[in-house]
Amino acid sequence: IGSVDRIPHFVARAKDKNDPFRLMGFGHRVYRNYDPRAVVMRDTCHA
């Protein structure tokens, strides 16, 4: 992605069912809701 100004392009691709591009790091095969580990990791990340 490289820079913030390029994000809309990649988000649009992620929303396009016909585009094979997927945003890595979002959603989880097991967790159909929020990943409970991500809740902890988010606070740690910002710290």
All heavy atoms as atom14 arrays in JSON, in Angstrom:
{
  "sequence": "IGSVDRIPHFVARAKDKNDPFRLMGFGHRVYRNYDPRAVVMRDTCHA",
  "atom14_mask": [
    [1, 1, 1, 1, 1, 1, 1, 1, 0, 0, 0, 0, 0, 0],
    [1, 1, 1, 1, 0, 0, 0, 0, 0, 0, 0, 0, 0, 0],
    [1, 1, 1, 1, 1, 1, 0, 0, 0, 0, 0, 0, 0, 0],
    [1, 1, 1, 1, 1, 1, 1, 0, 0, 0, 0, 0, 0, 0],
    [1, 1, 1, 1, 1, 1, 1, 1, 0, 0, 0, 0, 0, 0],
    [1, 1, 1, 1, 1, 1, 1, 1, 1, 1, 1, 0, 0, 0],
    [1, 1, 1, 1, 1, 1, 1, 1, 0, 0, 0, 0, 0, 0],
    [1, 1, 1, 1, 1, 1, 1, 0, 0, 0, 0, 0, 0, 0],
    [1, 1, 1, 1, 1, 1, 1, 1, 1, 1, 0, 0, 0, 0],
    [1, 1, 1, 1, 1, 1, 1, 1, 1, 1, 1, 0, 0, 0],
    [1, 1, 1, 1, 1, 1, 1, 0, 0, 0, 0, 0, 0, 0],
    [1, 1, 1, 1, 1, 0, 0, 0, 0, 0, 0, 0, 0, 0],
    [1, 1, 1, 1, 1, 1, 1, 1, 1, 1, 1, 0, 0, 0],
    [1, 1, 1, 1, 1, 0, 0, 0, 0, 0, 0, 0, 0, 0],
    [1, 1, 1, 1, 1, 1, 1, 1, 1, 0, 0, 0, 0, 0],
    [1, 1, 1, 1, 1, 1, 1, 1, 0, 0, 0, 0, 0, 0],
    [1, 1, 1, 1, 1, 1, 1, 1, 1, 0, 0, 0, 0, 0],
    [1, 1, 1, 1, 1, 1, 1, 1, 0, 0, 0, 0, 0, 0],
    [1, 1, 1, 1, 1, 1, 1, 1, 0, 0, 0, 0, 0, 0],
    [1, 1, 1, 1, 1, 1, 1, 0, 0, 0, 0, 0, 0, 0],
    [1, 1, 1, 1, 1, 1, 1, 1, 1, 1, 1, 0, 0, 0],
    [1, 1, 1, 1, 1, 1, 1, 1, 1, 1, 1, 0, 0, 0],
    [1, 1, 1, 1, 1, 1, 1, 1, 0, 0, 0, 0, 0, 0],
    [1, 1, 1, 1, 1, 1, 1, 1, 0, 0, 0, 0, 0, 0],
    [1, 1, 1, 1, 0, 0, 0, 0, 0, 0, 0, 0, 0, 0],
    [1, 1, 1, 1, 1, 1, 1, 1, 1, 1, 1, 0, 0, 0],
    [1, 1, 1, 1, 0, 0, 0, 0, 0, 0, 0, 0, 0, 0],
    [1, 1, 1, 1, 1, 1, 1, 1, 1, 1, 0, 0, 0, 0],
    [1, 1, 1, 1, 1, 1, 1, 1, 1, 1, 1, 0, 0, 0],
    [1, 1, 1, 1, 1, 1, 1, 0, 0, 0, 0, 0, 0, 0],
    [1, 1, 1, 1, 1, 1, 1, 1, 1, 1, 1, 1, 0, 0],
    [1, 1, 1, 1, 1, 1, 1, 1, 1, 1, 1, 0, 0, 0],
    [1, 1, 1, 1, 1, 1, 1, 1, 0, 0, 0, 0, 0, 0],
    [1, 1, 1, 1, 1, 1, 1, 1, 1, 1, 1, 1, 0, 0],
    [1, 1, 1, 1, 1, 1, 1, 1, 0, 0, 0, 0, 0, 0],
    [1, 1, 1, 1, 1, 1, 1, 0, 0, 0, 0, 0, 0, 0],
    [1, 1, 1, 1, 1, 1, 1, 1, 1, 1, 1, 0, 0, 0],
    [1, 1, 1, 1, 1, 0, 0, 0, 0, 0, 0, 0, 0, 0],
    [1, 1, 1, 1, 1, 1, 1, 0, 0, 0, 0, 0, 0, 0],
    [1, 1, 1, 1, 1, 1, 1, 0, 0, 0, 0, 0, 0, 0],
    [1, 1, 1, 1, 1, 1, 1, 1, 0, 0, 0, 0, 0, 0],
    [1, 1, 1, 1, 1, 1, 1, 1, 1, 1, 1, 0, 0, 0],
    [1, 1, 1, 1, 1, 1, 1, 1, 0, 0, 0, 0, 0, 0],
    [1, 1, 1, 1, 1, 1, 1, 0, 0, 0, 0, 0, 0, 0],
    [1, 1, 1, 1, 1, 1, 0, 0, 0, 0, 0, 0, 0, 0],
    [1, 1, 1, 1, 1, 1, 1, 1, 1, 1, 0, 0, 0, 0],
    [1, 1, 1, 1, 1, 0, 0, 0, 0, 0, 0, 0, 0, 0]
  ],
  "atom14_positions": [
    [[0.84, -1.2, 0.0], [0.0, 0.0, 0.0], [0.88, 1.25, 0.0], [0.67, 2.17, -0.77], [-0.96, -0.01, 1.21], [-1.92, -1.2, 1.11], [-1.74, 1.3, 1.28], [-2.81, -1.38, 2.33], [0.0, 0.0, 0.0], [0.0, 0.0, 0.0], [0.0, 0.0, 0.0], [0.0, 0.0, 0.0], [0.0, 0.0, 0.0], [0.0, 0.0, 0.0]],
    [[1.86, 1.27, 0.88], [2.91, 2.29, 0.82], [2.63, 3.6, 1.51], [3.46, 4.11, 2.24], [0.0, 0.0, 0.0], [0.0, 0.0, 0.0], [0.0, 0.0, 0.0], [0.0, 0.0, 0.0], [0.0, 0.0, 0.0], [0.0, 0.0, 0.0], [0.0, 0.0, 0.0], [0.0, 0.0, 0.0], [0.0, 0.0, 0.0], [0.0, 0.0, 0.0]],
    [[1.46, 4.2, 1.27], [1.15, 5.51, 1.84], [-0.35, 5.63, 2.09], [-1.16, 4.92, 1.48], [1.62, 6.63, 0.92], [0.99, 6.56, -0.34], [0.0, 0.0, 0.0], [0.0, 0.0, 0.0], [0.0, 0.0, 0.0], [0.0, 0.0, 0.0], [0.0, 0.0, 0.0], [0.0, 0.0, 0.0], [0.0, 0.0, 0.0], [0.0, 0.0, 0.0]],
    [[-0.7, 6.56, 2.98], [-2.09, 6.71, 3.39], [-2.99, 7.07, 2.2], [-4.14, 6.61, 2.11], [-2.2, 7.79, 4.49], [-3.67, 8.1, 4.8], [-1.48, 7.32, 5.76], [0.0, 0.0, 0.0], [0.0, 0.0, 0.0], [0.0, 0.0, 0.0], [0.0, 0.0, 0.0], [0.0, 0.0, 0.0], [0.0, 0.0, 0.0], [0.0, 0.0, 0.0]],
    [[-2.5, 7.87, 1.28], [-3.32, 8.31, 0.16], [-3.69, 7.18, -0.8], [-4.61, 7.32, -1.61], [-2.62, 9.45, -0.6], [-1.29, 9.0, -1.2], [-0.42, 8.52, -0.44], [-1.11, 9.14, -2.42], [0.0, 0.0, 0.0], [0.0, 0.0, 0.0], [0.0, 0.0, 0.0], [0.0, 0.0, 0.0], [0.0, 0.0, 0.0], [0.0, 0.0, 0.0]],
    [[-2.99, 6.04, -0.7], [-3.3, 4.89, -1.55], [-4.3, 3.92, -0.92], [-4.75, 2.97, -1.54], [-2.0, 4.14, -1.89], [-1.14, 4.85, -2.92], [0.27, 4.26, -3.0], [0.3, 2.82, -3.19], [0.2, 2.19, -4.35], [0.04, 2.92, -5.46], [0.25, 0.88, -4.43], [0.0, 0.0, 0.0], [0.0, 0.0, 0.0], [0.0, 0.0, 0.0]],
    [[-4.65, 4.15, 0.35], [-5.54, 3.24, 1.08], [-6.91, 3.11, 0.42], [-7.42, 1.99, 0.27], [-5.67, 3.68, 2.56], [-4.36, 3.41, 3.29], [-6.83, 2.94, 3.25], [-4.37, 3.86, 4.75], [0.0, 0.0, 0.0], [0.0, 0.0, 0.0], [0.0, 0.0, 0.0], [0.0, 0.0, 0.0], [0.0, 0.0, 0.0], [0.0, 0.0, 0.0]],
    [[-7.58, 4.22, 0.02], [-8.91, 4.07, -0.6], [-8.92, 3.1, -1.77], [-9.89, 2.35, -1.95], [-9.25, 5.5, -1.03], [-8.48, 6.37, -0.08], [-7.21, 5.65, 0.17], [0.0, 0.0, 0.0], [0.0, 0.0, 0.0], [0.0, 0.0, 0.0], [0.0, 0.0, 0.0], [0.0, 0.0, 0.0], [0.0, 0.0, 0.0], [0.0, 0.0, 0.0]],
    [[-7.87, 3.12, -2.57], [-7.78, 2.2, -3.72], [-7.8, 0.74, -3.26], [-8.52, -0.09, -3.82], [-6.52, 2.51, -4.53], [-6.2, 1.46, -5.57], [-6.97, 1.28, -6.71], [-5.19, 0.53, -5.62], [-6.46, 0.29, -7.43], [-5.37, -0.18, -6.79], [0.0, 0.0, 0.0], [0.0, 0.0, 0.0], [0.0, 0.0, 0.0], [0.0, 0.0, 0.0]],
    [[-7.01, 0.43, -2.23], [-6.92, -0.95, -1.77], [-8.17, -1.37, -0.99], [-8.58, -2.53, -1.04], [-5.67, -1.13, -0.91], [-4.4, -1.19, -1.72], [-3.68, -0.03, -2.0], [-3.94, -2.39, -2.23], [-2.53, -0.07, -2.76], [-2.77, -2.44, -2.98], [-2.07, -1.28, -3.26], [0.0, 0.0, 0.0], [0.0, 0.0, 0.0], [0.0, 0.0, 0.0]],
    [[-8.79, -0.45, -0.27], [-10.04, -0.76, 0.41], [-11.12, -1.07, -0.61], [-11.92, -2.01, -0.43], [-10.46, 0.41, 1.33], [-11.89, 0.2, 1.83], [-9.51, 0.53, 2.51], [0.0, 0.0, 0.0], [0.0, 0.0, 0.0], [0.0, 0.0, 0.0], [0.0, 0.0, 0.0], [0.0, 0.0, 0.0], [0.0, 0.0, 0.0], [0.0, 0.0, 0.0]],
    [[-11.15, -0.3, -1.7], [-12.12, -0.56, -2.78], [-11.89, -1.93, -3.4], [-12.84, -2.66, -3.71], [-12.02, 0.54, -3.84], [0.0, 0.0, 0.0], [0.0, 0.0, 0.0], [0.0, 0.0, 0.0], [0.0, 0.0, 0.0], [0.0, 0.0, 0.0], [0.0, 0.0, 0.0], [0.0, 0.0, 0.0], [0.0, 0.0, 0.0], [0.0, 0.0, 0.0]],
    [[-10.63, -2.29, -3.57], [-10.31, -3.62, -4.1], [-10.77, -4.72, -3.15], [-11.29, -5.76, -3.58], [-8.81, -3.74, -4.35], [-8.27, -2.93, -5.51], [-6.79, -3.22, -5.73], [-6.6, -4.63, -6.07], [-5.4, -5.22, -6.15], [-4.29, -4.51, -5.91], [-5.3, -6.5, -6.47], [0.0, 0.0, 0.0], [0.0, 0.0, 0.0], [0.0, 0.0, 0.0]],
    [[-10.59, -4.49, -1.86], [-10.99, -5.48, -0.86], [-12.5, -5.7, -0.87], [-12.99, -6.79, -0.59], [-10.52, -5.05, 0.53], [0.0, 0.0, 0.0], [0.0, 0.0, 0.0], [0.0, 0.0, 0.0], [0.0, 0.0, 0.0], [0.0, 0.0, 0.0], [0.0, 0.0, 0.0], [0.0, 0.0, 0.0], [0.0, 0.0, 0.0], [0.0, 0.0, 0.0]],
    [[-13.25, -4.64, -1.17], [-14.71, -4.72, -1.2], [-15.24, -5.33, -2.5], [-16.41, -5.74, -2.57], [-15.32, -3.33, -1.01], [-15.07, -2.73, 0.37], [-15.68, -1.34, 0.48], [-15.46, -0.73, 1.85], [-16.05, 0.62, 1.98], [0.0, 0.0, 0.0], [0.0, 0.0, 0.0], [0.0, 0.0, 0.0], [0.0, 0.0, 0.0], [0.0, 0.0, 0.0]],
    [[-14.39, -5.37, -3.54], [-14.79, -5.88, -4.85], [-14.74, -7.41, -4.86], [-13.68, -8.01, -4.73], [-13.85, -5.31, -5.92], [-14.28, -5.68, -7.34], [-15.23, -6.49, -7.51], [-13.66, -5.17, -8.29], [0.0, 0.0, 0.0], [0.0, 0.0, 0.0], [0.0, 0.0, 0.0], [0.0, 0.0, 0.0], [0.0, 0.0, 0.0], [0.0, 0.0, 0.0]],
    [[-15.89, -8.04, -5.0], [-15.97, -9.5, -4.99], [-15.2, -10.14, -6.12], [-14.77, -11.3, -6.02], [-17.43, -9.94, -5.06], [-18.27, -9.56, -3.84], [-19.69, -10.05, -4.0], [-20.54, -9.69, -2.79], [-21.96, -10.15, -2.94], [0.0, 0.0, 0.0], [0.0, 0.0, 0.0], [0.0, 0.0, 0.0], [0.0, 0.0, 0.0], [0.0, 0.0, 0.0]],
    [[-15.01, -9.42, -7.2], [-14.32, -9.96, -8.37], [-12.81, -9.74, -8.33], [-12.1, -10.17, -9.24], [-14.9, -9.35, -9.64], [-16.37, -9.67, -9.82], [-16.8, -10.81, -9.6], [-17.17, -8.67, -10.23], [0.0, 0.0, 0.0], [0.0, 0.0, 0.0], [0.0, 0.0, 0.0], [0.0, 0.0, 0.0], [0.0, 0.0, 0.0], [0.0, 0.0, 0.0]],
    [[-12.33, -9.06, -7.3], [-10.9, -8.8, -7.16], [-10.32, -9.78, -6.15], [-10.8, -9.87, -5.02], [-10.66, -7.35, -6.7], [-9.21, -6.91, -6.84], [-8.31, -7.74, -6.56], [-8.96, -5.75, -7.2], [0.0, 0.0, 0.0], [0.0, 0.0, 0.0], [0.0, 0.0, 0.0], [0.0, 0.0, 0.0], [0.0, 0.0, 0.0], [0.0, 0.0, 0.0]],
    [[-9.28, -10.53, -6.5], [-8.72, -11.53, -5.58], [-7.98, -10.91, -4.38], [-7.66, -11.62, -3.43], [-7.74, -12.31, -6.46], [-7.35, -11.35, -7.55], [-8.59, -10.52, -7.8], [0.0, 0.0, 0.0], [0.0, 0.0, 0.0], [0.0, 0.0, 0.0], [0.0, 0.0, 0.0], [0.0, 0.0, 0.0], [0.0, 0.0, 0.0], [0.0, 0.0, 0.0]],
    [[-7.74, -9.6, -4.41], [-7.01, -8.95, -3.33], [-7.79, -9.02, -2.01], [-8.99, -8.81, -1.97], [-6.75, -7.48, -3.67], [-6.11, -6.7, -2.54], [-4.76, -6.81, -2.28], [-6.87, -5.86, -1.73], [-4.17, -6.12, -1.25], [-6.29, -5.15, -0.7], [-4.94, -5.28, -0.46], [0.0, 0.0, 0.0], [0.0, 0.0, 0.0], [0.0, 0.0, 0.0]],
    [[-7.08, -9.35, -0.94], [-7.66, -9.4, 0.4], [-6.77, -8.63, 1.37], [-5.55, -8.71, 1.27], [-7.82, -10.85, 0.87], [-8.83, -11.66, 0.05], [-10.25, -11.17, 0.28], [-11.23, -11.93, -0.49], [-11.67, -11.6, -1.7], [-11.2, -10.48, -2.28], [-12.57, -12.34, -2.32], [0.0, 0.0, 0.0], [0.0, 0.0, 0.0], [0.0, 0.0, 0.0]],
    [[-7.39, -7.92, 2.26], [-6.64, -7.21, 3.29], [-6.16, -8.21, 4.34], [-6.97, -8.84, 5.03], [-7.51, -6.14, 3.95], [-7.78, -4.86, 3.14], [-8.79, -3.98, 3.86], [-6.49, -4.09, 2.88], [0.0, 0.0, 0.0], [0.0, 0.0, 0.0], [0.0, 0.0, 0.0], [0.0, 0.0, 0.0], [0.0, 0.0, 0.0], [0.0, 0.0, 0.0]],
    [[-4.86, -8.4, 4.46], [-4.29, -9.3, 5.45], [-4.34, -8.65, 6.82], [-4.15, -7.44, 6.98], [-2.84, -9.64, 5.09], [-2.65, -10.26, 3.71], [-3.52, -11.85, 3.56], [-2.63, -12.86, 4.75], [0.0, 0.0, 0.0], [0.0, 0.0, 0.0], [0.0, 0.0, 0.0], [0.0, 0.0, 0.0], [0.0, 0.0, 0.0], [0.0, 0.0, 0.0]],
    [[-4.59, -9.48, 7.84], [-4.63, -8.96, 9.2], [-6.02, -8.54, 9.65], [-6.16, -7.94, 10.73], [0.0, 0.0, 0.0], [0.0, 0.0, 0.0], [0.0, 0.0, 0.0], [0.0, 0.0, 0.0], [0.0, 0.0, 0.0], [0.0, 0.0, 0.0], [0.0, 0.0, 0.0], [0.0, 0.0, 0.0], [0.0, 0.0, 0.0], [0.0, 0.0, 0.0]],
    [[-7.04, -8.82, 8.83], [-8.41, -8.45, 9.17], [-9.3, -9.69, 9.09], [-9.25, -10.45, 8.12], [-8.94, -7.37, 8.23], [-8.2, -6.06, 8.38], [-7.02, -5.84, 7.69], [-8.68, -5.08, 9.22], [-6.33, -4.64, 7.83], [-7.99, -3.87, 9.36], [-6.82, -3.67, 8.67], [0.0, 0.0, 0.0], [0.0, 0.0, 0.0], [0.0, 0.0, 0.0]],
    [[-10.13, -9.85, 10.13], [-10.94, -11.06, 10.21], [-10.1, -12.25, 10.61], [-8.87, -12.18, 10.73], [0.0, 0.0, 0.0], [0.0, 0.0, 0.0], [0.0, 0.0, 0.0], [0.0, 0.0, 0.0], [0.0, 0.0, 0.0], [0.0, 0.0, 0.0], [0.0, 0.0, 0.0], [0.0, 0.0, 0.0], [0.0, 0.0, 0.0], [0.0, 0.0, 0.0]],
    [[-10.76, -13.37, 10.86], [-10.06, -14.58, 11.29], [-10.89, -15.8, 10.92], [-12.13, -15.77, 10.99], [-9.8, -14.55, 12.8], [-8.78, -15.52, 13.27], [-9.09, -16.85, 13.51], [-7.47, -15.39, 13.55], [-7.99, -17.48, 13.9], [-7.0, -16.63, 13.94], [0.0, 0.0, 0.0], [0.0, 0.0, 0.0], [0.0, 0.0, 0.0], [0.0, 0.0, 0.0]],
    [[-10.21, -16.86, 10.53], [-10.89, -18.08, 10.12], [-11.72, -18.67, 11.25], [-12.79, -19.23, 11.02], [-9.85, -19.11, 9.65], [-10.44, -20.41, 9.16], [-9.34, -21.36, 8.74], [-9.87, -22.63, 8.25], [-9.12, -23.66, 7.9], [-7.81, -23.56, 7.98], [-9.67, -24.77, 7.46], [0.0, 0.0, 0.0], [0.0, 0.0, 0.0], [0.0, 0.0, 0.0]],
    [[-11.22, -18.55, 12.48], [-11.9, -19.15, 13.64], [-12.86, -18.16, 14.28], [-14.01, -18.48, 14.58], [-10.87, -19.64, 14.68], [-11.59, -20.12, 15.95], [-10.03, -20.77, 14.09], [0.0, 0.0, 0.0], [0.0, 0.0, 0.0], [0.0, 0.0, 0.0], [0.0, 0.0, 0.0], [0.0, 0.0, 0.0], [0.0, 0.0, 0.0], [0.0, 0.0, 0.0]],
    [[-12.39, -16.93, 14.51], [-13.19, -15.93, 15.21], [-14.13, -15.23, 14.25], [-13.68, -14.48, 13.37], [-12.3, -14.92, 15.92], [-11.41, -15.55, 16.96], [-10.04, -15.68, 16.74], [-11.93, -16.04, 18.15], [-9.22, -16.27, 17.66], [-11.11, -16.64, 19.09], [-9.76, -16.76, 18.84], [-8.95, -17.36, 19.76], [0.0, 0.0, 0.0], [0.0, 0.0, 0.0]],
    [[-15.43, -15.46, 14.41], [-16.43, -14.81, 13.58], [-16.82, -13.46, 14.17], [-17.59, -12.73, 13.59], [-17.67, -15.71, 13.45], [-17.37, -17.09, 12.88], [-16.65, -17.02, 11.56], [-16.33, -18.33, 11.03], [-15.56, -18.55, 9.96], [-15.02, -17.53, 9.32], [-15.3, -19.78, 9.55], [0.0, 0.0, 0.0], [0.0, 0.0, 0.0], [0.0, 0.0, 0.0]],
    [[-16.28, -13.17, 15.33], [-16.45, -11.89, 15.96], [-15.05, -11.3, 16.17], [-14.13, -11.66, 15.46], [-17.19, -12.05, 17.3], [-18.03, -10.82, 17.63], [-17.58, -9.7, 17.52], [-19.27, -11.07, 18.04], [0.0, 0.0, 0.0], [0.0, 0.0, 0.0], [0.0, 0.0, 0.0], [0.0, 0.0, 0.0], [0.0, 0.0, 0.0], [0.0, 0.0, 0.0]],
    [[-14.88, -10.44, 17.13], [-13.58, -9.84, 17.38], [-12.62, -10.88, 17.97], [-12.99, -11.64, 18.86], [-13.74, -8.67, 18.36], [-12.69, -7.59, 18.19], [-12.88, -6.54, 17.31], [-11.5, -7.63, 18.9], [-11.92, -5.55, 17.15], [-10.55, -6.64, 18.75], [-10.76, -5.6, 17.88], [-9.79, -4.62, 17.73], [0.0, 0.0, 0.0], [0.0, 0.0, 0.0]],
    [[-11.41, -10.91, 17.46], [-10.36, -11.78, 17.99], [-10.03, -11.3, 19.41], [-9.57, -10.17, 19.58], [-9.13, -11.69, 17.08], [-7.98, -12.61, 17.49], [-7.96, -13.09, 18.64], [-7.08, -12.84, 16.65], [0.0, 0.0, 0.0], [0.0, 0.0, 0.0], [0.0, 0.0, 0.0], [0.0, 0.0, 0.0], [0.0, 0.0, 0.0], [0.0, 0.0, 0.0]],
    [[-10.25, -12.13, 20.45], [-10.02, -11.66, 21.82], [-8.57, -11.28, 22.08], [-8.29, -10.46, 22.95], [-10.46, -12.85, 22.69], [-10.32, -14.04, 21.79], [-10.68, -13.54, 20.42], [0.0, 0.0, 0.0], [0.0, 0.0, 0.0], [0.0, 0.0, 0.0], [0.0, 0.0, 0.0], [0.0, 0.0, 0.0], [0.0, 0.0, 0.0], [0.0, 0.0, 0.0]],
    [[-7.65, -11.87, 21.34], [-6.24, -11.52, 21.48], [-5.96, -10.13, 20.92], [-5.07, -9.42, 21.41], [-5.37, -12.56, 20.76], [-5.56, -13.98, 21.28], [-4.9, -14.99, 20.36], [-5.48, -14.95, 19.02], [-5.01, -15.63, 17.97], [-3.96, -16.42, 18.12], [-5.61, -15.53, 16.8], [0.0, 0.0, 0.0], [0.0, 0.0, 0.0], [0.0, 0.0, 0.0]],
    [[-6.72, -9.74, 19.89], [-6.52, -8.44, 19.27], [-6.9, -7.3, 20.21], [-6.32, -6.22, 20.14], [-7.31, -8.34, 17.97], [0.0, 0.0, 0.0], [0.0, 0.0, 0.0], [0.0, 0.0, 0.0], [0.0, 0.0, 0.0], [0.0, 0.0, 0.0], [0.0, 0.0, 0.0], [0.0, 0.0, 0.0], [0.0, 0.0, 0.0], [0.0, 0.0, 0.0]],
    [[-7.89, -7.54, 21.09], [-8.29, -6.52, 22.05], [-7.11, -6.15, 22.94], [-6.83, -4.97, 23.18], [-9.47, -7.02, 22.91], [-9.86, -5.97, 23.95], [-10.66, -7.39, 22.04], [0.0, 0.0, 0.0], [0.0, 0.0, 0.0], [0.0, 0.0, 0.0], [0.0, 0.0, 0.0], [0.0, 0.0, 0.0], [0.0, 0.0, 0.0], [0.0, 0.0, 0.0]],
    [[-6.4, -7.18, 23.43], [-5.22, -6.96, 24.27], [-4.09, -6.35, 23.44], [-3.43, -5.41, 23.86], [-4.76, -8.29, 24.91], [-3.52, -8.06, 25.76], [-5.88, -8.92, 25.72], [0.0, 0.0, 0.0], [0.0, 0.0, 0.0], [0.0, 0.0, 0.0], [0.0, 0.0, 0.0], [0.0, 0.0, 0.0], [0.0, 0.0, 0.0], [0.0, 0.0, 0.0]],
    [[-3.87, -6.89, 22.27], [-2.75, -6.48, 21.44], [-2.89, -5.02, 20.96], [-1.89, -4.33, 20.79], [-2.61, -7.41, 20.24], [-1.27, -7.29, 19.51], [0.1, -7.84, 20.52], [0.07, -9.58, 20.21], [0.0, 0.0, 0.0], [0.0, 0.0, 0.0], [0.0, 0.0, 0.0], [0.0, 0.0, 0.0], [0.0, 0.0, 0.0], [0.0, 0.0, 0.0]],
    [[-4.12, -4.58, 20.76], [-4.34, -3.2, 20.31], [-3.81, -2.21, 21.34], [-3.08, -1.28, 21.0], [-5.82, -2.94, 20.05], [-6.12, -1.53, 19.54], [-7.61, -1.36, 19.23], [-7.86, -0.09, 18.59], [-8.12, 1.05, 19.24], [-8.18, 1.04, 20.56], [-8.31, 2.17, 18.56], [0.0, 0.0, 0.0], [0.0, 0.0, 0.0], [0.0, 0.0, 0.0]],
    [[-4.16, -2.42, 22.6], [-3.68, -1.53, 23.66], [-2.16, -1.59, 23.77], [-1.5, -0.57, 23.96], [-4.32, -1.9, 25.0], [-5.82, -1.63, 25.02], [-6.3, -0.82, 24.2], [-6.52, -2.23, 25.87], [0.0, 0.0, 0.0], [0.0, 0.0, 0.0], [0.0, 0.0, 0.0], [0.0, 0.0, 0.0], [0.0, 0.0, 0.0], [0.0, 0.0, 0.0]],
    [[-1.61, -2.79, 23.65], [-0.16, -2.96, 23.72], [0.51, -2.25, 22.57], [1.55, -1.6, 22.73], [0.19, -4.46, 23.7], [-0.49, -5.13, 24.76], [1.69, -4.67, 23.86], [0.0, 0.0, 0.0], [0.0, 0.0, 0.0], [0.0, 0.0, 0.0], [0.0, 0.0, 0.0], [0.0, 0.0, 0.0], [0.0, 0.0, 0.0], [0.0, 0.0, 0.0]],
    [[-0.07, -2.36, 21.38], [0.47, -1.72, 20.19], [0.59, -0.22, 20.37], [1.63, 0.39, 20.11], [-0.4, -2.06, 18.98], [0.1, -1.26, 17.43], [0.0, 0.0, 0.0], [0.0, 0.0, 0.0], [0.0, 0.0, 0.0], [0.0, 0.0, 0.0], [0.0, 0.0, 0.0], [0.0, 0.0, 0.0], [0.0, 0.0, 0.0], [0.0, 0.0, 0.0]],
    [[-0.5, 0.4, 20.84], [-0.5, 1.85, 21.01], [0.46, 2.28, 22.13], [1.07, 3.34, 22.06], [-1.92, 2.35, 21.27], [-2.78, 2.32, 20.05], [-2.81, 3.34, 19.14], [-3.61, 1.37, 19.55], [-3.65, 3.04, 18.15], [-4.16, 1.84, 18.38], [0.0, 0.0, 0.0], [0.0, 0.0, 0.0], [0.0, 0.0, 0.0], [0.0, 0.0, 0.0]],
    [[0.62, 1.44, 23.17], [1.57, 1.74, 24.24], [3.0, 1.74, 23.72], [3.82, 2.59, 24.09], [1.42, 0.73, 25.38], [0.0, 0.0, 0.0], [0.0, 0.0, 0.0], [0.0, 0.0, 0.0], [0.0, 0.0, 0.0], [0.0, 0.0, 0.0], [0.0, 0.0, 0.0], [0.0, 0.0, 0.0], [0.0, 0.0, 0.0], [0.0, 0.0, 0.0]]
  ]
}
